[in-house]
Every structure is written in C-alpha cells, then in structure tokens.
C-alpha cells in the first residue's frame, strides 16, 4: 500500500473512500469496502483522509484520534487498499473555492 502526501503522485483512475477516518470502525469499513468493490485493474482502491484532523486545525488544540495514524495505516493495509492519501488540512484547501478544489482533486485539472 502506498501512502501519499501529494496529489501529484496519486495513481489514477481511482475508486475513492473519502472521510476523516479518525478510527476504523464498522461504518468506516463499509465505506472502504465500497471503494474496494468498485476498484479494478483500471481503478486503484484509494482512501483519502486529512492530516491533521480538521477538528484539530479549527480548534487549535491537539485532537486525539480513536486510532493513531501508524495503527490506522497498518490496519488499512490489511484491507487491501492500494493507496492512502493523507491530505494536509491547513489554510490552503480553505482558501481554494470548493469547485476548484474538487475539480483539481477529481479531475486533476
């Protein structure tokens, strides 16, 4: 499983599970299973999340996760995901209009 910190290095096309994933519980497993089910030799199974957690960014206080990042990555690897994208959550995505951000993410433009 590849851990990616920059969208320019992501393998495309993708089948994406998108969320905060502060812990990996049954609900998260269902979202991830859907991405895995839709993946194929032509669509890479990908989990996209944010680091640090958006709550930490907005509050300015350390936000403890249900599952620490190293443990979460180890568990995600056992599920068979090809890629995990850890998008930095800082001022940059907030300054970008939503349409531009989603277009860049989904379509690479």
PDB file of N, CA and C in Angstrom:
ATOM      1  N   UNK A   1       0.848  -1.171   0.000  1.00  0.00           N
ATOM      2  CA  UNK A   1       0.000   0.000   0.000  1.00  0.00           C
ATOM      3  C   UNK A   1       0.898   1.239   0.000  1.00  0.00           C
ATOM      4  N   UNK A   2       0.566   2.153  -0.879  1.00  0.00           N
ATOM      5  CA  UNK A   2       1.293   3.409  -0.967  1.00  0.00           C
ATOM      6  C   UNK A   2       0.660   4.442  -0.051  1.00  0.00           C
ATOM      7  N   UNK A   3       1.461   5.171   0.699  1.00  0.00           N
ATOM      8  CA  UNK A   3       0.980   6.298   1.489  1.00  0.00           C
ATOM      9  C   UNK A   3       1.444   7.558   0.765  1.00  0.00           C
ATOM     10  N   UNK A   4       0.480   8.397   0.399  1.00  0.00           N
ATOM     11  CA  UNK A   4       0.749   9.546  -0.467  1.00  0.00           C
ATOM     12  C   UNK A   4       0.410  10.833   0.271  1.00  0.00           C
ATOM     13  N   UNK A   5       1.277  11.813   0.126  1.00  0.00           N
ATOM     14  CA  UNK A   5       1.082  13.104   0.776  1.00  0.00           C
ATOM     15  C   UNK A   5       0.845  14.221  -0.237  1.00  0.00           C
ATOM     16  N   UNK A   6       0.893  13.888  -1.512  1.00  0.00           N
ATOM     17  CA  UNK A   6       0.800  14.892  -2.564  1.00  0.00           C
ATOM     18  C   UNK A   6      -0.023  14.317  -3.716  1.00  0.00           C
ATOM     19  N   UNK A   7      -1.070  15.028  -4.112  1.00  0.00           N
ATOM     20  CA  UNK A   7      -1.959  14.513  -5.161  1.00  0.00           C
ATOM     21  C   UNK A   7      -1.264  14.324  -6.498  1.00  0.00           C
ATOM     22  N   UNK A   8      -0.135  14.953  -6.704  1.00  0.00           N
ATOM     23  CA  UNK A   8       0.554  14.798  -7.986  1.00  0.00           C
ATOM     24  C   UNK A   8       1.156  13.411  -8.145  1.00  0.00           C
ATOM     25  N   UNK A   9       1.257  12.650  -7.053  1.00  0.00           N
ATOM     26  CA  UNK A   9       1.847  11.315  -7.142  1.00  0.00           C
ATOM     27  C   UNK A   9       0.822  10.191  -7.046  1.00  0.00           C
ATOM     28  N   UNK A  10      -0.453  10.526  -7.029  1.00  0.00           N
ATOM     29  CA  UNK A  10      -1.504   9.519  -6.907  1.00  0.00           C
ATOM     30  C   UNK A  10      -1.654   8.745  -8.227  1.00  0.00           C
ATOM     31  N   UNK A  11      -1.875   7.446  -8.108  1.00  0.00           N
ATOM     32  CA  UNK A  11      -2.144   6.624  -9.298  1.00  0.00           C
ATOM     33  C   UNK A  11      -3.619   6.765  -9.649  1.00  0.00           C
ATOM     34  N   UNK A  12      -3.903   7.076 -10.877  1.00  0.00           N
ATOM     35  CA  UNK A  12      -5.281   7.266 -11.343  1.00  0.00           C
ATOM     36  C   UNK A  12      -5.554   6.318 -12.488  1.00  0.00           C
ATOM     37  N   UNK A  13      -6.819   6.054 -12.777  1.00  0.00           N
ATOM     38  CA  UNK A  13      -8.038   6.474 -12.096  1.00  0.00           C
ATOM     39  C   UNK A  13      -8.181   5.775 -10.746  1.00  0.00           C
ATOM     40  N   UNK A  14      -9.090   6.285  -9.927  1.00  0.00           N
ATOM     41  CA  UNK A  14      -9.233   5.768  -8.576  1.00  0.00           C
ATOM     42  C   UNK A  14     -10.670   5.400  -8.247  1.00  0.00           C
ATOM     43  N   UNK A  15     -10.797   4.545  -7.269  1.00  0.00           N
ATOM     44  CA  UNK A  15     -12.066   4.260  -6.600  1.00  0.00           C
ATOM     45  C   UNK A  15     -11.834   4.726  -5.171  1.00  0.00           C
ATOM     46  N   UNK A  16     -12.547   5.781  -4.755  1.00  0.00           N
ATOM     47  CA  UNK A  16     -12.178   6.507  -3.539  1.00  0.00           C
ATOM     48  C   UNK A  16     -13.152   6.317  -2.381  1.00  0.00           C
ATOM     49  N   UNK A  17     -12.576   6.128  -1.200  1.00  0.00           N
ATOM     50  CA  UNK A  17     -13.291   6.257   0.067  1.00  0.00           C
ATOM     51  C   UNK A  17     -12.760   7.550   0.680  1.00  0.00           C
ATOM     52  N   UNK A  18     -13.645   8.517   0.901  1.00  0.00           N
ATOM     53  CA  UNK A  18     -13.236   9.841   1.370  1.00  0.00           C
ATOM     54  C   UNK A  18     -13.842  10.129   2.731  1.00  0.00           C
ATOM     55  N   UNK A  19     -13.016  10.557   3.693  1.00  0.00           N
ATOM     56  CA  UNK A  19     -13.543  10.898   5.006  1.00  0.00           C
ATOM     57  C   UNK A  19     -12.438  11.224   5.984  1.00  0.00           C
ATOM     58  N   UNK A  20     -12.839  11.560   7.211  1.00  0.00           N
ATOM     59  CA  UNK A  20     -11.852  11.852   8.254  1.00  0.00           C
ATOM     60  C   UNK A  20     -11.194  10.585   8.783  1.00  0.00           C
ATOM     61  N   UNK A  21     -11.947   9.513   8.907  1.00  0.00           N
ATOM     62  CA  UNK A  21     -11.419   8.218   9.350  1.00  0.00           C
ATOM     63  C   UNK A  21     -10.545   8.366  10.599  1.00  0.00           C
ATOM     64  N   UNK A  22     -11.110   8.989  11.648  1.00  0.00           N
ATOM     65  CA  UNK A  22     -10.355   9.157  12.891  1.00  0.00           C
ATOM     66  C   UNK A  22     -10.181   7.834  13.627  1.00  0.00           C
ATOM     67  N   UNK A  23     -10.938   6.865  13.250  1.00  0.00           N
ATOM     68  CA  UNK A  23     -10.814   5.494  13.734  1.00  0.00           C
ATOM     69  C   UNK A  23     -11.401   4.610  12.656  1.00  0.00           C
ATOM     70  N   UNK A  24     -11.088   3.358  12.667  1.00  0.00           N
ATOM     71  CA  UNK A  24     -11.638   2.462  11.650  1.00  0.00           C
ATOM     72  C   UNK A  24     -12.650   1.556  12.350  1.00  0.00           C
ATOM     73  N   UNK A  25     -13.927   1.905  12.206  1.00  0.00           N
ATOM     74  CA  UNK A  25     -14.994   1.125  12.838  1.00  0.00           C
ATOM     75  C   UNK A  25     -15.891   0.543  11.745  1.00  0.00           C
ATOM     76  N   UNK A  26     -16.976  -0.082  12.111  1.00  0.00           N
ATOM     77  CA  UNK A  26     -17.853  -0.766  11.135  1.00  0.00           C
ATOM     78  C   UNK A  26     -18.329   0.156  10.015  1.00  0.00           C
ATOM     79  N   UNK A  27     -18.746   1.356  10.377  1.00  0.00           N
ATOM     80  CA  UNK A  27     -19.204   2.302   9.350  1.00  0.00           C
ATOM     81  C   UNK A  27     -18.100   2.646   8.371  1.00  0.00           C
ATOM     82  N   UNK A  28     -16.907   2.874   8.892  1.00  0.00           N
ATOM     83  CA  UNK A  28     -15.773   3.158   8.009  1.00  0.00           C
ATOM     84  C   UNK A  28     -15.461   1.947   7.138  1.00  0.00           C
ATOM     85  N   UNK A  29     -15.537   0.766   7.732  1.00  0.00           N
ATOM     86  CA  UNK A  29     -15.262  -0.453   6.958  1.00  0.00           C
ATOM     87  C   UNK A  29     -16.235  -0.606   5.792  1.00  0.00           C
ATOM     88  N   UNK A  30     -17.487  -0.195   5.962  1.00  0.00           N
ATOM     89  CA  UNK A  30     -18.461  -0.266   4.869  1.00  0.00           C
ATOM     90  C   UNK A  30     -18.102   0.695   3.747  1.00  0.00           C
ATOM     91  N   UNK A  31     -17.667   1.896   4.107  1.00  0.00           N
ATOM     92  CA  UNK A  31     -17.248   2.880   3.097  1.00  0.00           C
ATOM     93  C   UNK A  31     -16.025   2.361   2.338  1.00  0.00           C
ATOM     94  N   UNK A  32     -15.076   1.822   3.071  1.00  0.00           N
ATOM     95  CA  UNK A  32     -13.858   1.283   2.450  1.00  0.00           C
ATOM     96  C   UNK A  32     -14.189   0.078   1.574  1.00  0.00           C
ATOM     97  N   UNK A  33     -15.076  -0.787   2.035  1.00  0.00           N
ATOM     98  CA  UNK A  33     -15.470  -1.966   1.257  1.00  0.00           C
ATOM     99  C   UNK A  33     -16.096  -1.549  -0.073  1.00  0.00           C
ATOM    100  N   UNK A  34     -16.872  -0.476  -0.071  1.00  0.00           N
ATOM    101  CA  UNK A  34     -17.477   0.001  -1.321  1.00  0.00           C
ATOM    102  C   UNK A  34     -16.406   0.454  -2.300  1.00  0.00           C
ATOM    103  N   UNK A  35     -15.380   1.148  -1.810  1.00  0.00           N
ATOM    104  CA  UNK A  35     -14.282   1.573  -2.688  1.00  0.00           C
ATOM    105  C   UNK A  35     -13.519   0.366  -3.222  1.00  0.00           C
ATOM    106  N   UNK A  36     -13.304  -0.628  -2.368  1.00  0.00           N
ATOM    107  CA  UNK A  36     -12.613  -1.835  -2.812  1.00  0.00           C
ATOM    108  C   UNK A  36     -13.431  -2.590  -3.854  1.00  0.00           C
ATOM    109  N   UNK A  37     -14.741  -2.628  -3.656  1.00  0.00           N
ATOM    110  CA  UNK A  37     -15.625  -3.333  -4.590  1.00  0.00           C
ATOM    111  C   UNK A  37     -15.612  -2.672  -5.962  1.00  0.00           C
ATOM    112  N   UNK A  38     -15.519  -1.348  -5.990  1.00  0.00           N
ATOM    113  CA  UNK A  38     -15.535  -0.609  -7.259  1.00  0.00           C
ATOM    114  C   UNK A  38     -14.169  -0.565  -7.934  1.00  0.00           C
ATOM    115  N   UNK A  39     -13.123  -0.965  -7.205  1.00  0.00           N
ATOM    116  CA  UNK A  39     -11.796  -0.935  -7.813  1.00  0.00           C
ATOM    117  C   UNK A  39     -11.679  -2.055  -8.844  1.00  0.00           C
ATOM    118  N   UNK A  40     -10.713  -1.905  -9.699  1.00  0.00           N
ATOM    119  CA  UNK A  40     -10.476  -2.871 -10.760  1.00  0.00           C
ATOM    120  C   UNK A  40      -9.033  -2.701 -11.209  1.00  0.00           C
ATOM    121  N   UNK A  41      -8.592  -3.486 -12.184  1.00  0.00           N
ATOM    122  CA  UNK A  41      -7.240  -3.247 -12.700  1.00  0.00           C
ATOM    123  C   UNK A  41      -7.093  -1.836 -13.287  1.00  0.00           C
ATOM    124  N   UNK A  42      -8.230  -1.194 -13.561  1.00  0.00           N
ATOM    125  CA  UNK A  42      -8.190   0.144 -14.159  1.00  0.00           C
ATOM    126  C   UNK A  42      -8.544   1.251 -13.166  1.00  0.00           C
ATOM    127  N   UNK A  43      -8.908   0.902 -11.945  1.00  0.00           N
ATOM    128  CA  UNK A  43      -9.249   1.904 -10.928  1.00  0.00           C
ATOM    129  C   UNK A  43      -8.618   1.486  -9.600  1.00  0.00           C
ATOM    130  N   UNK A  44      -7.693   2.272  -9.117  1.00  0.00           N
ATOM    131  CA  UNK A  44      -6.943   1.964  -7.908  1.00  0.00           C
ATOM    132  C   UNK A  44      -7.778   2.253  -6.652  1.00  0.00           C
ATOM    133  N   UNK A  45      -7.852   1.280  -5.751  1.00  0.00           N
ATOM    134  CA  UNK A  45      -8.584   1.484  -4.492  1.00  0.00           C
ATOM    135  C   UNK A  45      -7.801   2.472  -3.632  1.00  0.00           C
ATOM    136  N   UNK A  46      -8.496   3.544  -3.244  1.00  0.00           N
ATOM    137  CA  UNK A  46      -7.821   4.665  -2.592  1.00  0.00           C
ATOM    138  C   UNK A  46      -8.653   5.191  -1.439  1.00  0.00           C
ATOM    139  N   UNK A  47      -8.013   5.387  -0.302  1.00  0.00           N
ATOM    140  CA  UNK A  47      -8.646   6.055   0.824  1.00  0.00           C
ATOM    141  C   UNK A  47      -8.032   7.445   0.921  1.00  0.00           C
ATOM    142  N   UNK A  48      -8.887   8.460   1.003  1.00  0.00           N
ATOM    143  CA  UNK A  48      -8.422   9.839   1.128  1.00  0.00           C
ATOM    144  C   UNK A  48      -8.911  10.382   2.461  1.00  0.00           C
ATOM    145  N   UNK A  49      -7.970  10.899   3.227  1.00  0.00           N
ATOM    146  CA  UNK A  49      -8.303  11.483   4.517  1.00  0.00           C
ATOM    147  C   UNK A  49      -7.444  12.719   4.740  1.00  0.00           C
ATOM    148  N   UNK A  50      -7.631  13.349   5.867  1.00  0.00           N
ATOM    149  CA  UNK A  50      -6.947  14.604   6.150  1.00  0.00           C
ATOM    150  C   UNK A  50      -6.032  14.448   7.349  1.00  0.00           C
ATOM    151  N   UNK A  51      -4.894  15.131   7.282  1.00  0.00           N
ATOM    152  CA  UNK A  51      -3.941  15.108   8.387  1.00  0.00           C
ATOM    153  C   UNK A  51      -3.324  16.483   8.519  1.00  0.00           C
ATOM    154  N   UNK A  52      -3.467  17.187   9.609  1.00  0.00           N
ATOM    155  CA  UNK A  52      -4.146  16.728  10.816  1.00  0.00           C
ATOM    156  C   UNK A  52      -5.665  16.716  10.639  1.00  0.00           C
ATOM    157  N   UNK A  53      -6.340  16.159  11.606  1.00  0.00           N
ATOM    158  CA  UNK A  53      -7.797  16.113  11.596  1.00  0.00           C
ATOM    159  C   UNK A  53      -8.335  17.544  11.526  1.00  0.00           C
ATOM    160  N   UNK A  54      -9.345  17.814  10.709  1.00  0.00           N
ATOM    161  CA  UNK A  54      -9.892  19.177  10.604  1.00  0.00           C
ATOM    162  C   UNK A  54     -10.288  19.780  11.958  1.00  0.00           C
ATOM    163  N   UNK A  55     -10.778  18.968  12.868  1.00  0.00           N
ATOM    164  CA  UNK A  55     -11.160  19.488  14.191  1.00  0.00           C
ATOM    165  C   UNK A  55      -9.943  20.095  14.896  1.00  0.00           C
ATOM    166  N   UNK A  56      -8.792  19.470  14.733  1.00  0.00           N
ATOM    167  CA  UNK A  56      -7.572  19.991  15.345  1.00  0.00           C
ATOM    168  C   UNK A  56      -7.198  21.323  14.712  1.00  0.00           C
ATOM    169  N   UNK A  57      -7.332  21.424  13.414  1.00  0.00           N
ATOM    170  CA  UNK A  57      -6.997  22.666  12.731  1.00  0.00           C
ATOM    171  C   UNK A  57      -7.887  23.808  13.216  1.00  0.00           C
ATOM    172  N   UNK A  58      -9.196  23.569  13.272  1.00  0.00           N
ATOM    173  CA  UNK A  58     -10.120  24.641  13.629  1.00  0.00           C
ATOM    174  C   UNK A  58     -10.059  25.004  15.111  1.00  0.00           C
ATOM    175  N   UNK A  59      -9.809  24.041  15.979  1.00  0.00           N
ATOM    176  CA  UNK A  59      -9.791  24.331  17.415  1.00  0.00           C
ATOM    177  C   UNK A  59      -8.429  24.832  17.877  1.00  0.00           C
ATOM    178  N   UNK A  60      -7.384  24.487  17.135  1.00  0.00           N
ATOM    179  CA  UNK A  60      -6.038  24.844  17.552  1.00  0.00           C
ATOM    180  C   UNK A  60      -5.521  23.964  18.678  1.00  0.00           C
ATOM    181  N   UNK A  61      -6.286  22.926  19.024  1.00  0.00           N
ATOM    182  CA  UNK A  61      -5.889  22.010  20.090  1.00  0.00           C
ATOM    183  C   UNK A  61      -5.690  20.618  19.528  1.00  0.00           C
ATOM    184  N   UNK A  62      -4.769  19.894  20.133  1.00  0.00           N
ATOM    185  CA  UNK A  62      -4.498  18.529  19.714  1.00  0.00           C
ATOM    186  C   UNK A  62      -5.772  17.702  19.804  1.00  0.00           C
ATOM    187  N   UNK A  63      -6.093  16.993  18.749  1.00  0.00           N
ATOM    188  CA  UNK A  63      -7.283  16.145  18.706  1.00  0.00           C
ATOM    189  C   UNK A  63      -6.815  14.695  18.715  1.00  0.00           C
ATOM    190  N   UNK A  64      -7.134  13.970  19.766  1.00  0.00           N
ATOM    191  CA  UNK A  64      -6.714  12.574  19.828  1.00  0.00           C
ATOM    192  C   UNK A  64      -7.642  11.737  18.953  1.00  0.00           C
ATOM    193  N   UNK A  65      -7.033  10.916  18.138  1.00  0.00           N
ATOM    194  CA  UNK A  65      -7.770  10.060  17.223  1.00  0.00           C
ATOM    195  C   UNK A  65      -8.156   8.764  17.926  1.00  0.00           C
ATOM    196  N   UNK A  66      -9.244   8.167  17.467  1.00  0.00           N
ATOM    197  CA  UNK A  66      -9.644   6.872  18.005  1.00  0.00           C
ATOM    198  C   UNK A  66      -8.581   5.821  17.705  1.00  0.00           C
ATOM    199  N   UNK A  67      -7.981   5.936  16.520  1.00  0.00           N
ATOM    200  CA  UNK A  67      -6.920   5.022  16.107  1.00  0.00           C
ATOM    201  C   UNK A  67      -5.720   5.865  15.695  1.00  0.00           C
ATOM    202  N   UNK A  68      -4.583   5.750  16.381  1.00  0.00           N
ATOM    203  CA  UNK A  68      -3.393   6.515  15.998  1.00  0.00           C
ATOM    204  C   UNK A  68      -2.977   6.202  14.561  1.00  0.00           C
ATOM    205  N   UNK A  69      -2.379   7.176  13.895  1.00  0.00           N
ATOM    206  CA  UNK A  69      -2.056   7.047  12.472  1.00  0.00           C
ATOM    207  C   UNK A  69      -1.260   5.791  12.125  1.00  0.00           C
ATOM    208  N   UNK A  70      -0.171   5.453  12.815  1.00  0.00           N
ATOM    209  CA  UNK A  70       0.563   4.231  12.433  1.00  0.00           C
ATOM    210  C   UNK A  70      -0.304   2.974  12.511  1.00  0.00           C
ATOM    211  N   UNK A  71      -1.128   2.888  13.554  1.00  0.00           N
ATOM    212  CA  UNK A  71      -2.020   1.739  13.717  1.00  0.00           C
ATOM    213  C   UNK A  71      -3.086   1.727  12.610  1.00  0.00           C
ATOM    214  N   UNK A  72      -3.601   2.906  12.286  1.00  0.00           N
ATOM    215  CA  UNK A  72      -4.616   3.012  11.234  1.00  0.00           C
ATOM    216  C   UNK A  72      -4.040   2.568   9.887  1.00  0.00           C
ATOM    217  N   UNK A  73      -2.839   3.025   9.567  1.00  0.00           N
ATOM    218  CA  UNK A  73      -2.219   2.648   8.288  1.00  0.00           C
ATOM    219  C   UNK A  73      -1.966   1.140   8.228  1.00  0.00           C
ATOM    220  N   UNK A  74      -1.529   0.555   9.335  1.00  0.00           N
ATOM    221  CA  UNK A  74      -1.302  -0.898   9.367  1.00  0.00           C
ATOM    222  C   UNK A  74      -2.608  -1.649   9.125  1.00  0.00           C
ATOM    223  N   UNK A  75      -3.692  -1.186   9.743  1.00  0.00           N
ATOM    224  CA  UNK A  75      -4.990  -1.832   9.552  1.00  0.00           C
ATOM    225  C   UNK A  75      -5.490  -1.660   8.121  1.00  0.00           C
ATOM    226  N   UNK A  76      -5.340  -0.470   7.580  1.00  0.00           N
ATOM    227  CA  UNK A  76      -5.800  -0.223   6.210  1.00  0.00           C
ATOM    228  C   UNK A  76      -5.060  -1.103   5.212  1.00  0.00           C
ATOM    229  N   UNK A  77      -3.800  -1.361   5.469  1.00  0.00           N
ATOM    230  CA  UNK A  77      -3.032  -2.228   4.575  1.00  0.00           C
ATOM    231  C   UNK A  77      -3.607  -3.637   4.564  1.00  0.00           C
ATOM    232  N   UNK A  78      -4.098  -4.114   5.714  1.00  0.00           N
ATOM    233  CA  UNK A  78      -4.666  -5.465   5.772  1.00  0.00           C
ATOM    234  C   UNK A  78      -5.968  -5.563   4.980  1.00  0.00           C
ATOM    235  N   UNK A  79      -6.619  -4.429   4.732  1.00  0.00           N
ATOM    236  CA  UNK A  79      -7.888  -4.438   3.989  1.00  0.00           C
ATOM    237  C   UNK A  79      -7.689  -4.546   2.483  1.00  0.00           C
ATOM    238  N   UNK A  80      -6.463  -4.310   2.022  1.00  0.00           N
ATOM    239  CA  UNK A  80      -6.189  -4.456   0.606  1.00  0.00           C
ATOM    240  C   UNK A  80      -6.231  -3.162  -0.196  1.00  0.00           C
ATOM    241  N   UNK A  81      -6.236  -2.017   0.474  1.00  0.00           N
ATOM    242  CA  UNK A  81      -6.200  -0.746  -0.251  1.00  0.00           C
ATOM    243  C   UNK A  81      -4.871  -0.589  -0.970  1.00  0.00           C
ATOM    244  N   UNK A  82      -4.918   0.017  -2.146  1.00  0.00           N
ATOM    245  CA  UNK A  82      -3.688   0.251  -2.900  1.00  0.00           C
ATOM    246  C   UNK A  82      -3.011   1.554  -2.487  1.00  0.00           C
ATOM    247  N   UNK A  83      -3.836   2.566  -2.140  1.00  0.00           N
ATOM    248  CA  UNK A  83      -3.295   3.881  -1.824  1.00  0.00           C
ATOM    249  C   UNK A  83      -4.038   4.496  -0.648  1.00  0.00           C
ATOM    250  N   UNK A  84      -3.312   5.198   0.197  1.00  0.00           N
ATOM    251  CA  UNK A  84      -3.906   6.050   1.223  1.00  0.00           C
ATOM    252  C   UNK A  84      -3.319   7.433   0.997  1.00  0.00           C
ATOM    253  N   UNK A  85      -4.200   8.402   0.823  1.00  0.00           N
ATOM    254  CA  UNK A  85      -3.771   9.775   0.600  1.00  0.00           C
ATOM    255  C   UNK A  85      -4.037  10.560   1.872  1.00  0.00           C
ATOM    256  N   UNK A  86      -2.977  11.143   2.441  1.00  0.00           N
ATOM    257  CA  UNK A  86      -3.092  11.984   3.629  1.00  0.00           C
ATOM    258  C   UNK A  86      -2.961  13.431   3.164  1.00  0.00           C
ATOM    259  N   UNK A  87      -4.111  14.065   2.955  1.00  0.00           N
ATOM    260  CA  UNK A  87      -4.099  15.450   2.505  1.00  0.00           C
ATOM    261  C   UNK A  87      -3.849  16.372   3.688  1.00  0.00           C
ATOM    262  N   UNK A  88      -2.918  17.310   3.536  1.00  0.00           N
ATOM    263  CA  UNK A  88      -2.701  18.253   4.626  1.00  0.00           C
ATOM    264  C   UNK A  88      -3.931  19.140   4.794  1.00  0.00           C
ATOM    265  N   UNK A  89      -4.397  19.261   6.012  1.00  0.00           N
ATOM    266  CA  UNK A  89      -5.529  20.142   6.280  1.00  0.00           C
ATOM    267  C   UNK A  89      -4.975  21.404   6.922  1.00  0.00           C
ATOM    268  N   UNK A  90      -4.905  22.457   6.103  1.00  0.00           N
ATOM    269  CA  UNK A  90      -4.391  23.739   6.558  1.00  0.00           C
ATOM    270  C   UNK A  90      -5.134  24.846   5.819  1.00  0.00           C
ATOM    271  N   UNK A  91      -4.578  26.008   5.777  1.00  0.00           N
ATOM    272  CA  UNK A  91      -5.244  27.150   5.134  1.00  0.00           C
ATOM    273  C   UNK A  91      -5.424  26.960   3.626  1.00  0.00           C
ATOM    274  N   UNK A  92      -4.549  26.206   2.988  1.00  0.00           N
ATOM    275  CA  UNK A  92      -4.579  26.079   1.530  1.00  0.00           C
ATOM    276  C   UNK A  92      -5.923  25.567   1.000  1.00  0.00           C
ATOM    277  N   UNK A  93      -6.457  24.424   1.484  1.00  0.00           N
ATOM    278  CA  UNK A  93      -7.748  23.992   0.941  1.00  0.00           C
ATOM    279  C   UNK A  93      -8.880  24.954   1.293  1.00  0.00           C
ATOM    280  N   UNK A  94      -8.740  25.640   2.412  1.00  0.00           N
ATOM    281  CA  UNK A  94      -9.796  26.577   2.809  1.00  0.00           C
ATOM    282  C   UNK A  94      -9.812  27.808   1.918  1.00  0.00           C
ATOM    283  N   UNK A  95      -8.652  28.199   1.404  1.00  0.00           N
ATOM    284  CA  UNK A  95      -8.554  29.393   0.566  1.00  0.00           C
ATOM    285  C   UNK A  95      -9.007  29.121  -0.868  1.00  0.00           C
ATOM    286  N   UNK A  96      -9.076  27.857  -1.249  1.00  0.00           N
ATOM    287  CA  UNK A  96      -9.462  27.495  -2.611  1.00  0.00           C
ATOM    288  C   UNK A  96     -10.976  27.347  -2.696  1.00  0.00           C
ATOM    289  N   UNK A  97     -11.602  27.975  -3.697  1.00  0.00           N
ATOM    290  CA  UNK A  97     -13.050  27.778  -3.857  1.00  0.00           C
ATOM    291  C   UNK A  97     -13.366  26.283  -3.981  1.00  0.00           C
ATOM    292  N   UNK A  98     -14.483  25.866  -3.404  1.00  0.00           N
ATOM    293  CA  UNK A  98     -14.834  24.447  -3.348  1.00  0.00           C
ATOM    294  C   UNK A  98     -14.828  23.812  -4.733  1.00  0.00           C
ATOM    295  N   UNK A  99     -15.393  24.485  -5.710  1.00  0.00           N
ATOM    296  CA  UNK A  99     -15.443  23.913  -7.055  1.00  0.00           C
ATOM    297  C   UNK A  99     -14.041  23.671  -7.601  1.00  0.00           C
ATOM    298  N   UNK A 100     -13.142  24.637  -7.395  1.00  0.00           N
ATOM    299  CA  UNK A 100     -11.778  24.477  -7.893  1.00  0.00           C
ATOM    300  C   UNK A 100     -11.056  23.343  -7.183  1.00  0.00           C
ATOM    301  N   UNK A 101     -11.255  23.233  -5.869  1.00  0.00           N
ATOM    302  CA  UNK A 101     -10.606  22.180  -5.111  1.00  0.00           C
ATOM    303  C   UNK A 101     -11.100  20.809  -5.558  1.00  0.00           C
ATOM    304  N   UNK A 102     -12.418  20.641  -5.679  1.00  0.00           N
ATOM    305  CA  UNK A 102     -12.939  19.335  -6.074  1.00  0.00           C
ATOM    306  C   UNK A 102     -12.571  19.007  -7.515  1.00  0.00           C
ATOM    307  N   UNK A 103     -12.548  19.999  -8.387  1.00  0.00           N
ATOM    308  CA  UNK A 103     -12.174  19.744  -9.780  1.00  0.00           C
ATOM    309  C   UNK A 103     -10.726  19.288  -9.859  1.00  0.00           C
ATOM    310  N   UNK A 104      -9.850  19.948  -9.109  1.00  0.00           N
ATOM    311  CA  UNK A 104      -8.436  19.554  -9.104  1.00  0.00           C
ATOM    312  C   UNK A 104      -8.283  18.143  -8.569  1.00  0.00           C
ATOM    313  N   UNK A 105      -9.032  17.834  -7.490  1.00  0.00           N
ATOM    314  CA  UNK A 105      -8.902  16.522  -6.880  1.00  0.00           C
ATOM    315  C   UNK A 105      -9.459  15.428  -7.780  1.00  0.00           C
ATOM    316  N   UNK A 106     -10.683  15.617  -8.254  1.00  0.00           N
ATOM    317  CA  UNK A 106     -11.341  14.553  -9.011  1.00  0.00           C
ATOM    318  C   UNK A 106     -10.845  14.443 -10.443  1.00  0.00           C
ATOM    319  N   UNK A 107     -10.490  15.560 -11.043  1.00  0.00           N
ATOM    320  CA  UNK A 107     -10.174  15.531 -12.466  1.00  0.00           C
ATOM    321  C   UNK A 107      -8.734  15.888 -12.772  1.00  0.00           C
ATOM    322  N   UNK A 108      -7.968  16.278 -11.776  1.00  0.00           N
ATOM    323  CA  UNK A 108      -6.557  16.561 -11.977  1.00  0.00           C
ATOM    324  C   UNK A 108      -6.290  17.836 -12.748  1.00  0.00           C
ATOM    325  N   UNK A 109      -7.264  18.731 -12.833  1.00  0.00           N
ATOM    326  CA  UNK A 109      -7.013  19.964 -13.597  1.00  0.00           C
ATOM    327  C   UNK A 109      -7.106  21.177 -12.712  1.00  0.00           C
TER     328      UNK A 109
END
